[in-house]
Amino acid sequence: MNSSTGGLRASRDIRSLSEFRAHAAAFVEQVQSTSEPMVITQRGRSAIVLLAIAAYEGLLDEVELARDVRTSVEQVETGRAEPSERVETRLRAMLGR
């Protein structure tokens, strides 16, 4: 999400819900072209974030990876980890190689 623009800019990337209603298509275009999220405020407080789909999918991938790492650490800490050779053998059998 960090583009060459240097991140979130309050003057460009924080807008009111009223502005969003009036200029939704332009705001979507801005988010898509800059790859930067836009914060939409309601009654002066942050309410939602408008995010390009590629950035959203990237966040989901990062969350999934972080969960996998956490699970792996827990398995190692509790003695439930398997040697890599056993995992490789099992994966090759599953893939038919």
PDB file of N, CA and C in Angstrom:
ATOM      1  N   MET A   1       0.808  -1.199   0.000  1.00  0.00           N
ATOM      2  CA  MET A   1       0.000   0.000   0.000  1.00  0.00           C
ATOM      3  C   MET A   1       0.848   1.258   0.000  1.00  0.00           C
ATOM      4  N   ASN A   2       2.056   1.162   0.415  1.00  0.00           N
ATOM      5  CA  ASN A   2       2.901   2.350   0.430  1.00  0.00           C
ATOM      6  C   ASN A   2       3.399   2.622  -0.977  1.00  0.00           C
ATOM      7  N   SER A   3       2.851   3.613  -1.600  1.00  0.00           N
ATOM      8  CA  SER A   3       3.273   3.973  -2.946  1.00  0.00           C
ATOM      9  C   SER A   3       4.356   5.025  -2.863  1.00  0.00           C
ATOM     10  N   SER A   4       4.782   5.483  -3.993  1.00  0.00           N
ATOM     11  CA  SER A   4       5.831   6.499  -4.038  1.00  0.00           C
ATOM     12  C   SER A   4       5.363   7.849  -3.513  1.00  0.00           C
ATOM     13  N   THR A   5       4.063   7.967  -3.218  1.00  0.00           N
ATOM     14  CA  THR A   5       3.545   9.238  -2.722  1.00  0.00           C
ATOM     15  C   THR A   5       3.895   9.464  -1.266  1.00  0.00           C
ATOM     16  N   GLY A   6       4.346   8.418  -0.571  1.00  0.00           N
ATOM     17  CA  GLY A   6       4.767   8.592   0.809  1.00  0.00           C
ATOM     18  C   GLY A   6       3.703   8.332   1.840  1.00  0.00           C
ATOM     19  N   GLY A   7       2.627   7.664   1.459  1.00  0.00           N
ATOM     20  CA  GLY A   7       1.631   7.288   2.451  1.00  0.00           C
ATOM     21  C   GLY A   7       0.441   8.210   2.511  1.00  0.00           C
ATOM     22  N   LEU A   8      -0.303   8.039   3.577  1.00  0.00           N
ATOM     23  CA  LEU A   8      -1.548   8.772   3.767  1.00  0.00           C
ATOM     24  C   LEU A   8      -1.299  10.271   3.892  1.00  0.00           C
ATOM     25  N   ARG A   9      -2.058  11.041   3.137  1.00  0.00           N
ATOM     26  CA  ARG A   9      -1.990  12.505   3.206  1.00  0.00           C
ATOM     27  C   ARG A   9      -3.360  13.020   3.620  1.00  0.00           C
ATOM     28  N   ALA A  10      -3.406  13.706   4.738  1.00  0.00           N
ATOM     29  CA  ALA A  10      -4.680  14.166   5.280  1.00  0.00           C
ATOM     30  C   ALA A  10      -5.461  15.009   4.276  1.00  0.00           C
ATOM     31  N   SER A  11      -4.779  15.864   3.544  1.00  0.00           N
ATOM     32  CA  SER A  11      -5.481  16.758   2.611  1.00  0.00           C
ATOM     33  C   SER A  11      -6.083  16.007   1.430  1.00  0.00           C
ATOM     34  N   ARG A  12      -5.552  14.853   1.117  1.00  0.00           N
ATOM     35  CA  ARG A  12      -6.014  14.103  -0.045  1.00  0.00           C
ATOM     36  C   ARG A  12      -6.763  12.836   0.348  1.00  0.00           C
ATOM     37  N   ASP A  13      -6.378  12.209   1.449  1.00  0.00           N
ATOM     38  CA  ASP A  13      -6.835  10.859   1.758  1.00  0.00           C
ATOM     39  C   ASP A  13      -7.803  10.760   2.930  1.00  0.00           C
ATOM     40  N   ILE A  14      -8.169  11.869   3.533  1.00  0.00           N
ATOM     41  CA  ILE A  14      -9.174  11.863   4.590  1.00  0.00           C
ATOM     42  C   ILE A  14     -10.298  12.774   4.137  1.00  0.00           C
ATOM     43  N   ARG A  15     -11.477  12.178   3.929  1.00  0.00           N
ATOM     44  CA  ARG A  15     -12.608  12.922   3.390  1.00  0.00           C
ATOM     45  C   ARG A  15     -13.859  12.626   4.185  1.00  0.00           C
ATOM     46  N   SER A  16     -14.785  13.560   4.159  1.00  0.00           N
ATOM     47  CA  SER A  16     -16.043  13.388   4.885  1.00  0.00           C
ATOM     48  C   SER A  16     -16.990  12.495   4.081  1.00  0.00           C
ATOM     49  N   LEU A  17     -17.942  11.933   4.784  1.00  0.00           N
ATOM     50  CA  LEU A  17     -18.962  11.119   4.141  1.00  0.00           C
ATOM     51  C   LEU A  17     -19.755  11.948   3.134  1.00  0.00           C
ATOM     52  N   SER A  18     -20.003  13.200   3.453  1.00  0.00           N
ATOM     53  CA  SER A  18     -20.724  14.084   2.517  1.00  0.00           C
ATOM     54  C   SER A  18     -19.941  14.247   1.220  1.00  0.00           C
ATOM     55  N   GLU A  19     -18.627  14.462   1.329  1.00  0.00           N
ATOM     56  CA  GLU A  19     -17.792  14.567   0.126  1.00  0.00           C
ATOM     57  C   GLU A  19     -17.811  13.261  -0.657  1.00  0.00           C
ATOM     58  N   PHE A  20     -17.738  12.143   0.072  1.00  0.00           N
ATOM     59  CA  PHE A  20     -17.744  10.840  -0.593  1.00  0.00           C
ATOM     60  C   PHE A  20     -19.035  10.636  -1.374  1.00  0.00           C
ATOM     61  N   ARG A  21     -20.160  10.978  -0.765  1.00  0.00           N
ATOM     62  CA  ARG A  21     -21.446  10.839  -1.456  1.00  0.00           C
ATOM     63  C   ARG A  21     -21.464  11.646  -2.746  1.00  0.00           C
ATOM     64  N   ALA A  22     -20.914  12.847  -2.697  1.00  0.00           N
ATOM     65  CA  ALA A  22     -20.937  13.737  -3.861  1.00  0.00           C
ATOM     66  C   ALA A  22     -19.933  13.344  -4.937  1.00  0.00           C
ATOM     67  N   HIS A  23     -18.852  12.655  -4.545  1.00  0.00           N
ATOM     68  CA  HIS A  23     -17.759  12.392  -5.492  1.00  0.00           C
ATOM     69  C   HIS A  23     -17.267  10.948  -5.434  1.00  0.00           C
ATOM     70  N   ALA A  24     -18.161  10.014  -5.198  1.00  0.00           N
ATOM     71  CA  ALA A  24     -17.770   8.611  -4.996  1.00  0.00           C
ATOM     72  C   ALA A  24     -16.918   8.069  -6.139  1.00  0.00           C
ATOM     73  N   ALA A  25     -17.329   8.278  -7.371  1.00  0.00           N
ATOM     74  CA  ALA A  25     -16.587   7.736  -8.513  1.00  0.00           C
ATOM     75  C   ALA A  25     -15.176   8.302  -8.572  1.00  0.00           C
ATOM     76  N   ALA A  26     -15.026   9.590  -8.320  1.00  0.00           N
ATOM     77  CA  ALA A  26     -13.702  10.216  -8.339  1.00  0.00           C
ATOM     78  C   ALA A  26     -12.828   9.675  -7.209  1.00  0.00           C
ATOM     79  N   PHE A  27     -13.417   9.441  -6.050  1.00  0.00           N
ATOM     80  CA  PHE A  27     -12.654   8.915  -4.917  1.00  0.00           C
ATOM     81  C   PHE A  27     -12.198   7.488  -5.191  1.00  0.00           C
ATOM     82  N   VAL A  28     -13.067   6.691  -5.801  1.00  0.00           N
ATOM     83  CA  VAL A  28     -12.678   5.325  -6.168  1.00  0.00           C
ATOM     84  C   VAL A  28     -11.520   5.379  -7.168  1.00  0.00           C
ATOM     85  N   GLU A  29     -11.615   6.244  -8.144  1.00  0.00           N
ATOM     86  CA  GLU A  29     -10.526   6.387  -9.123  1.00  0.00           C
ATOM     87  C   GLU A  29      -9.229   6.797  -8.440  1.00  0.00           C
ATOM     88  N   GLN A  30      -9.304   7.717  -7.500  1.00  0.00           N
ATOM     89  CA  GLN A  30      -8.103   8.162  -6.777  1.00  0.00           C
ATOM     90  C   GLN A  30      -7.457   7.002  -6.026  1.00  0.00           C
ATOM     91  N   VAL A  31      -8.276   6.226  -5.314  1.00  0.00           N
ATOM     92  CA  VAL A  31      -7.745   5.099  -4.543  1.00  0.00           C
ATOM     93  C   VAL A  31      -7.113   4.078  -5.481  1.00  0.00           C
ATOM     94  N   GLN A  32      -7.745   3.817  -6.600  1.00  0.00           N
ATOM     95  CA  GLN A  32      -7.195   2.863  -7.560  1.00  0.00           C
ATOM     96  C   GLN A  32      -5.898   3.371  -8.186  1.00  0.00           C
ATOM     97  N   SER A  33      -5.837   4.645  -8.487  1.00  0.00           N
ATOM     98  CA  SER A  33      -4.649   5.172  -9.165  1.00  0.00           C
ATOM     99  C   SER A  33      -3.471   5.406  -8.231  1.00  0.00           C
ATOM    100  N   THR A  34      -3.744   5.728  -6.972  1.00  0.00           N
ATOM    101  CA  THR A  34      -2.643   5.983  -6.033  1.00  0.00           C
ATOM    102  C   THR A  34      -2.263   4.748  -5.224  1.00  0.00           C
ATOM    103  N   SER A  35      -3.149   3.766  -5.192  1.00  0.00           N
ATOM    104  CA  SER A  35      -2.975   2.567  -4.352  1.00  0.00           C
ATOM    105  C   SER A  35      -2.883   2.915  -2.873  1.00  0.00           C
ATOM    106  N   GLU A  36      -3.386   4.066  -2.504  1.00  0.00           N
ATOM    107  CA  GLU A  36      -3.404   4.495  -1.108  1.00  0.00           C
ATOM    108  C   GLU A  36      -4.833   4.442  -0.595  1.00  0.00           C
ATOM    109  N   PRO A  37      -5.022   4.031   0.645  1.00  0.00           N
ATOM    110  CA  PRO A  37      -6.376   4.004   1.205  1.00  0.00           C
ATOM    111  C   PRO A  37      -6.906   5.417   1.428  1.00  0.00           C
ATOM    112  N   MET A  38      -8.206   5.515   1.523  1.00  0.00           N
ATOM    113  CA  MET A  38      -8.843   6.790   1.833  1.00  0.00           C
ATOM    114  C   MET A  38      -9.708   6.587   3.071  1.00  0.00           C
ATOM    115  N   VAL A  39      -9.563   7.442   4.045  1.00  0.00           N
ATOM    116  CA  VAL A  39     -10.364   7.391   5.264  1.00  0.00           C
ATOM    117  C   VAL A  39     -11.572   8.286   5.056  1.00  0.00           C
ATOM    118  N   ILE A  40     -12.743   7.720   5.304  1.00  0.00           N
ATOM    119  CA  ILE A  40     -13.984   8.481   5.202  1.00  0.00           C
ATOM    120  C   ILE A  40     -14.457   8.743   6.636  1.00  0.00           C
ATOM    121  N   THR A  41     -14.720  10.006   6.915  1.00  0.00           N
ATOM    122  CA  THR A  41     -15.151  10.377   8.263  1.00  0.00           C
ATOM    123  C   THR A  41     -16.660  10.603   8.296  1.00  0.00           C
ATOM    124  N   GLN A  42     -17.208  10.432   9.481  1.00  0.00           N
ATOM    125  CA  GLN A  42     -18.623  10.710   9.714  1.00  0.00           C
ATOM    126  C   GLN A  42     -18.708  11.466  11.031  1.00  0.00           C
ATOM    127  N   ARG A  43     -19.279  12.640  10.960  1.00  0.00           N
ATOM    128  CA  ARG A  43     -19.370  13.519  12.131  1.00  0.00           C
ATOM    129  C   ARG A  43     -17.990  13.798  12.733  1.00  0.00           C
ATOM    130  N   GLY A  44     -17.021  13.960  11.856  1.00  0.00           N
ATOM    131  CA  GLY A  44     -15.678  14.332  12.294  1.00  0.00           C
ATOM    132  C   GLY A  44     -14.801  13.207  12.810  1.00  0.00           C
ATOM    133  N   ARG A  45     -15.289  11.976  12.747  1.00  0.00           N
ATOM    134  CA  ARG A  45     -14.513  10.840  13.246  1.00  0.00           C
ATOM    135  C   ARG A  45     -14.329   9.816  12.130  1.00  0.00           C
ATOM    136  N   SER A  46     -13.208   9.120  12.141  1.00  0.00           N
ATOM    137  CA  SER A  46     -12.968   8.067  11.160  1.00  0.00           C
ATOM    138  C   SER A  46     -14.085   7.046  11.220  1.00  0.00           C
ATOM    139  N   ALA A  47     -14.636   6.696  10.047  1.00  0.00           N
ATOM    140  CA  ALA A  47     -15.753   5.757  10.004  1.00  0.00           C
ATOM    141  C   ALA A  47     -15.435   4.517   9.178  1.00  0.00           C
ATOM    142  N   ILE A  48     -14.872   4.717   7.977  1.00  0.00           N
ATOM    143  CA  ILE A  48     -14.550   3.592   7.094  1.00  0.00           C
ATOM    144  C   ILE A  48     -13.267   3.896   6.338  1.00  0.00           C
ATOM    145  N   VAL A  49     -12.735   2.845   5.715  1.00  0.00           N
ATOM    146  CA  VAL A  49     -11.554   2.997   4.859  1.00  0.00           C
ATOM    147  C   VAL A  49     -11.907   2.465   3.488  1.00  0.00           C
ATOM    148  N   LEU A  50     -11.634   3.252   2.472  1.00  0.00           N
ATOM    149  CA  LEU A  50     -11.807   2.839   1.090  1.00  0.00           C
ATOM    150  C   LEU A  50     -10.447   2.338   0.619  1.00  0.00           C
ATOM    151  N   LEU A  51     -10.411   1.097   0.144  1.00  0.00           N
ATOM    152  CA  LEU A  51      -9.143   0.446  -0.161  1.00  0.00           C
ATOM    153  C   LEU A  51      -9.239  -0.249  -1.512  1.00  0.00           C
ATOM    154  N   ALA A  52      -8.215  -0.116  -2.339  1.00  0.00           N
ATOM    155  CA  ALA A  52      -8.182  -0.800  -3.628  1.00  0.00           C
ATOM    156  C   ALA A  52      -8.213  -2.308  -3.386  1.00  0.00           C
ATOM    157  N   ILE A  53      -8.861  -3.034  -4.273  1.00  0.00           N
ATOM    158  CA  ILE A  53      -9.032  -4.476  -4.084  1.00  0.00           C
ATOM    159  C   ILE A  53      -7.690  -5.203  -3.995  1.00  0.00           C
ATOM    160  N   ALA A  54      -6.712  -4.802  -4.774  1.00  0.00           N
ATOM    161  CA  ALA A  54      -5.399  -5.459  -4.717  1.00  0.00           C
ATOM    162  C   ALA A  54      -4.746  -5.258  -3.348  1.00  0.00           C
ATOM    163  N   ALA A  55      -4.907  -4.079  -2.788  1.00  0.00           N
ATOM    164  CA  ALA A  55      -4.358  -3.822  -1.455  1.00  0.00           C
ATOM    165  C   ALA A  55      -5.101  -4.638  -0.407  1.00  0.00           C
ATOM    166  N   TYR A  56      -6.407  -4.736  -0.548  1.00  0.00           N
ATOM    167  CA  TYR A  56      -7.215  -5.535   0.374  1.00  0.00           C
ATOM    168  C   TYR A  56      -6.797  -7.009   0.314  1.00  0.00           C
ATOM    169  N   GLU A  57      -6.668  -7.533  -0.890  1.00  0.00           N
ATOM    170  CA  GLU A  57      -6.259  -8.924  -1.042  1.00  0.00           C
ATOM    171  C   GLU A  57      -4.859  -9.146  -0.464  1.00  0.00           C
ATOM    172  N   GLY A  58      -3.974  -8.158  -0.643  1.00  0.00           N
ATOM    173  CA  GLY A  58      -2.641  -8.254  -0.060  1.00  0.00           C
ATOM    174  C   GLY A  58      -2.689  -8.310   1.453  1.00  0.00           C
ATOM    175  N   LEU A  59      -3.560  -7.515   2.047  1.00  0.00           N
ATOM    176  CA  LEU A  59      -3.727  -7.550   3.505  1.00  0.00           C
ATOM    177  C   LEU A  59      -4.242  -8.909   3.968  1.00  0.00           C
ATOM    178  N   LEU A  60      -5.199  -9.459   3.239  1.00  0.00           N
ATOM    179  CA  LEU A  60      -5.719 -10.781   3.593  1.00  0.00           C
ATOM    180  C   LEU A  60      -4.616 -11.832   3.524  1.00  0.00           C
ATOM    181  N   ASP A  61      -3.778 -11.752   2.488  1.00  0.00           N
ATOM    182  CA  ASP A  61      -2.659 -12.692   2.361  1.00  0.00           C
ATOM    183  C   ASP A  61      -1.695 -12.562   3.540  1.00  0.00           C
ATOM    184  N   GLU A  62      -1.414 -11.320   3.944  1.00  0.00           N
ATOM    185  CA  GLU A  62      -0.513 -11.097   5.077  1.00  0.00           C
ATOM    186  C   GLU A  62      -1.103 -11.636   6.377  1.00  0.00           C
ATOM    187  N   VAL A  63      -2.391 -11.445   6.565  1.00  0.00           N
ATOM    188  CA  VAL A  63      -3.045 -11.958   7.767  1.00  0.00           C
ATOM    189  C   VAL A  63      -2.977 -13.486   7.780  1.00  0.00           C
ATOM    190  N   GLU A  64      -3.243 -14.102   6.642  1.00  0.00           N
ATOM    191  CA  GLU A  64      -3.184 -15.558   6.558  1.00  0.00           C
ATOM    192  C   GLU A  64      -1.776 -16.067   6.864  1.00  0.00           C
ATOM    193  N   LEU A  65      -0.770 -15.414   6.320  1.00  0.00           N
ATOM    194  CA  LEU A  65       0.609 -15.803   6.586  1.00  0.00           C
ATOM    195  C   LEU A  65       0.949 -15.640   8.067  1.00  0.00           C
ATOM    196  N   ALA A  66       0.527 -14.539   8.657  1.00  0.00           N
ATOM    197  CA  ALA A  66       0.796 -14.307  10.084  1.00  0.00           C
ATOM    198  C   ALA A  66       0.131 -15.388  10.935  1.00  0.00           C
ATOM    199  N   ARG A  67      -1.078 -15.786  10.575  1.00  0.00           N
ATOM    200  CA  ARG A  67      -1.756 -16.859  11.310  1.00  0.00           C
ATOM    201  C   ARG A  67      -1.015 -18.176  11.164  1.00  0.00           C
ATOM    202  N   ASP A  68      -0.536 -18.455   9.942  1.00  0.00           N
ATOM    203  CA  ASP A  68       0.220 -19.684   9.720  1.00  0.00           C
ATOM    204  C   ASP A  68       1.504 -19.697  10.539  1.00  0.00           C
ATOM    205  N   VAL A  69       2.187 -18.563  10.596  1.00  0.00           N
ATOM    206  CA  VAL A  69       3.414 -18.470  11.389  1.00  0.00           C
ATOM    207  C   VAL A  69       3.096 -18.674  12.865  1.00  0.00           C
ATOM    208  N   ARG A  70       2.043 -18.033  13.355  1.00  0.00           N
ATOM    209  CA  ARG A  70       1.651 -18.196  14.758  1.00  0.00           C
ATOM    210  C   ARG A  70       1.339 -19.659  15.070  1.00  0.00           C
ATOM    211  N   THR A  71       0.604 -20.324  14.180  1.00  0.00           N
ATOM    212  CA  THR A  71       0.287 -21.737  14.371  1.00  0.00           C
ATOM    213  C   THR A  71       1.560 -22.569  14.397  1.00  0.00           C
ATOM    214  N   SER A  72       2.482 -22.277  13.501  1.00  0.00           N
ATOM    215  CA  SER A  72       3.748 -23.014  13.451  1.00  0.00           C
ATOM    216  C   SER A  72       4.545 -22.828  14.730  1.00  0.00           C
ATOM    217  N   VAL A  73       4.620 -21.614  15.214  1.00  0.00           N
ATOM    218  CA  VAL A  73       5.348 -21.337  16.459  1.00  0.00           C
ATOM    219  C   VAL A  73       4.707 -22.101  17.611  1.00  0.00           C
ATOM    220  N   GLU A  74       3.384 -22.087  17.682  1.00  0.00           N
ATOM    221  CA  GLU A  74       2.679 -22.823  18.743  1.00  0.00           C
ATOM    222  C   GLU A  74       2.961 -24.315  18.648  1.00  0.00           C
ATOM    223  N   GLN A  75       3.007 -24.845  17.423  1.00  0.00           N
ATOM    224  CA  GLN A  75       3.276 -26.271  17.250  1.00  0.00           C
ATOM    225  C   GLN A  75       4.702 -26.616  17.689  1.00  0.00           C
ATOM    226  N   VAL A  76       5.649 -25.777  17.367  1.00  0.00           N
ATOM    227  CA  VAL A  76       7.035 -26.013  17.784  1.00  0.00           C
ATOM    228  C   VAL A  76       7.134 -25.940  19.301  1.00  0.00           C
ATOM    229  N   GLU A  77       6.511 -24.938  19.890  1.00  0.00           N
ATOM    230  CA  GLU A  77       6.574 -24.746  21.337  1.00  0.00           C
ATOM    231  C   GLU A  77       5.922 -25.880  22.125  1.00  0.00           C
ATOM    232  N   THR A  78       4.919 -26.511  21.528  1.00  0.00           N
ATOM    233  CA  THR A  78       4.221 -27.591  22.228  1.00  0.00           C
ATOM    234  C   THR A  78       4.684 -28.972  21.776  1.00  0.00           C
ATOM    235  N   GLY A  79       5.739 -29.025  20.976  1.00  0.00           N
ATOM    236  CA  GLY A  79       6.297 -30.309  20.557  1.00  0.00           C
ATOM    237  C   GLY A  79       5.506 -31.018  19.482  1.00  0.00           C
ATOM    238  N   ARG A  80       4.652 -30.297  18.773  1.00  0.00           N
ATOM    239  CA  ARG A  80       3.845 -30.915  17.718  1.00  0.00           C
ATOM    240  C   ARG A  80       4.411 -30.705  16.330  1.00  0.00           C
ATOM    241  N   ALA A  81       5.629 -30.217  16.225  1.00  0.00           N
ATOM    242  CA  ALA A  81       6.251 -29.976  14.918  1.00  0.00           C
ATOM    243  C   ALA A  81       6.760 -31.290  14.345  1.00  0.00           C
ATOM    244  N   GLU A  82       6.792 -31.381  13.028  1.00  0.00           N
ATOM    245  CA  GLU A  82       7.303 -32.572  12.355  1.00  0.00           C
ATOM    246  C   GLU A  82       8.598 -32.224  11.633  1.00  0.00           C
ATOM    247  N   PRO A  83       9.525 -33.174  11.555  1.00  0.00           N
ATOM    248  CA  PRO A  83      10.756 -32.925  10.791  1.00  0.00           C
ATOM    249  C   PRO A  83      10.424 -32.646   9.322  1.00  0.00           C
ATOM    250  N   SER A  84      11.182 -31.776   8.714  1.00  0.00           N
ATOM    251  CA  SER A  84      10.889 -31.367   7.331  1.00  0.00           C
ATOM    252  C   SER A  84      10.919 -32.539   6.360  1.00  0.00           C
ATOM    253  N   GLU A  85      11.774 -33.528   6.618  1.00  0.00           N
ATOM    254  CA  GLU A  85      11.848 -34.685   5.726  1.00  0.00           C
ATOM    255  C   GLU A  85      10.523 -35.457   5.711  1.00  0.00           C
ATOM    256  N   ARG A  86       9.897 -35.588   6.888  1.00  0.00           N
ATOM    257  CA  ARG A  86       8.621 -36.302   6.969  1.00  0.00           C
ATOM    258  C   ARG A  86       7.535 -35.513   6.243  1.00  0.00           C
ATOM    259  N   VAL A  87       7.541 -34.211   6.411  1.00  0.00           N
ATOM    260  CA  VAL A  87       6.557 -33.366   5.734  1.00  0.00           C
ATOM    261  C   VAL A  87       6.754 -33.442   4.227  1.00  0.00           C
ATOM    262  N   GLU A  88       8.004 -33.387   3.785  1.00  0.00           N
ATOM    263  CA  GLU A  88       8.291 -33.464   2.342  1.00  0.00           C
ATOM    264  C   GLU A  88       7.805 -34.791   1.764  1.00  0.00           C
ATOM    265  N   THR A  89       8.072 -35.876   2.453  1.00  0.00           N
ATOM    266  CA  THR A  89       7.637 -37.198   1.988  1.00  0.00           C
ATOM    267  C   THR A  89       6.114 -37.257   1.879  1.00  0.00           C
ATOM    268  N   ARG A  90       5.438 -36.733   2.894  1.00  0.00           N
ATOM    269  CA  ARG A  90       3.973 -36.734   2.906  1.00  0.00           C
ATOM    270  C   ARG A  90       3.414 -35.864   1.776  1.00  0.00           C
ATOM    271  N   LEU A  91       4.020 -34.692   1.556  1.00  0.00           N
ATOM    272  CA  LEU A  91       3.561 -33.814   0.466  1.00  0.00           C
ATOM    273  C   LEU A  91       3.787 -34.442  -0.907  1.00  0.00           C
ATOM    274  N   ARG A  92       4.940 -35.062  -1.069  1.00  0.00           N
ATOM    275  CA  ARG A  92       5.210 -35.738  -2.372  1.00  0.00           C
ATOM    276  C   ARG A  92       4.197 -36.851  -2.622  1.00  0.00           C
ATOM    277  N   ALA A  93       3.830 -37.588  -1.585  1.00  0.00           N
ATOM    278  CA  ALA A  93       2.836 -38.641  -1.730  1.00  0.00           C
ATOM    279  C   ALA A  93       1.475 -38.053  -2.100  1.00  0.00           C
ATOM    280  N   MET A  94       1.127 -36.946  -1.465  1.00  0.00           N
ATOM    281  CA  MET A  94      -0.148 -36.293  -1.764  1.00  0.00           C
ATOM    282  C   MET A  94      -0.197 -35.774  -3.195  1.00  0.00           C
ATOM    283  N   LEU A  95       0.956 -35.276  -3.678  1.00  0.00           N
ATOM    284  CA  LEU A  95       1.019 -34.692  -5.020  1.00  0.00           C
ATOM    285  C   LEU A  95       1.333 -35.734  -6.090  1.00  0.00           C
ATOM    286  N   GLY A  96       1.617 -36.962  -5.660  1.00  0.00           N
ATOM    287  CA  GLY A  96       1.905 -38.033  -6.623  1.00  0.00           C
ATOM    288  C   GLY A  96       3.272 -37.908  -7.261  1.00  0.00           C
ATOM    289  N   ARG A  97       4.236 -37.423  -6.510  1.00  0.00           N
ATOM    290  CA  ARG A  97       5.595 -37.270  -7.072  1.00  0.00           C
ATOM    291  C   ARG A  97       6.573 -38.180  -6.387  1.00  0.00           C
TER     292      ARG A  97
END
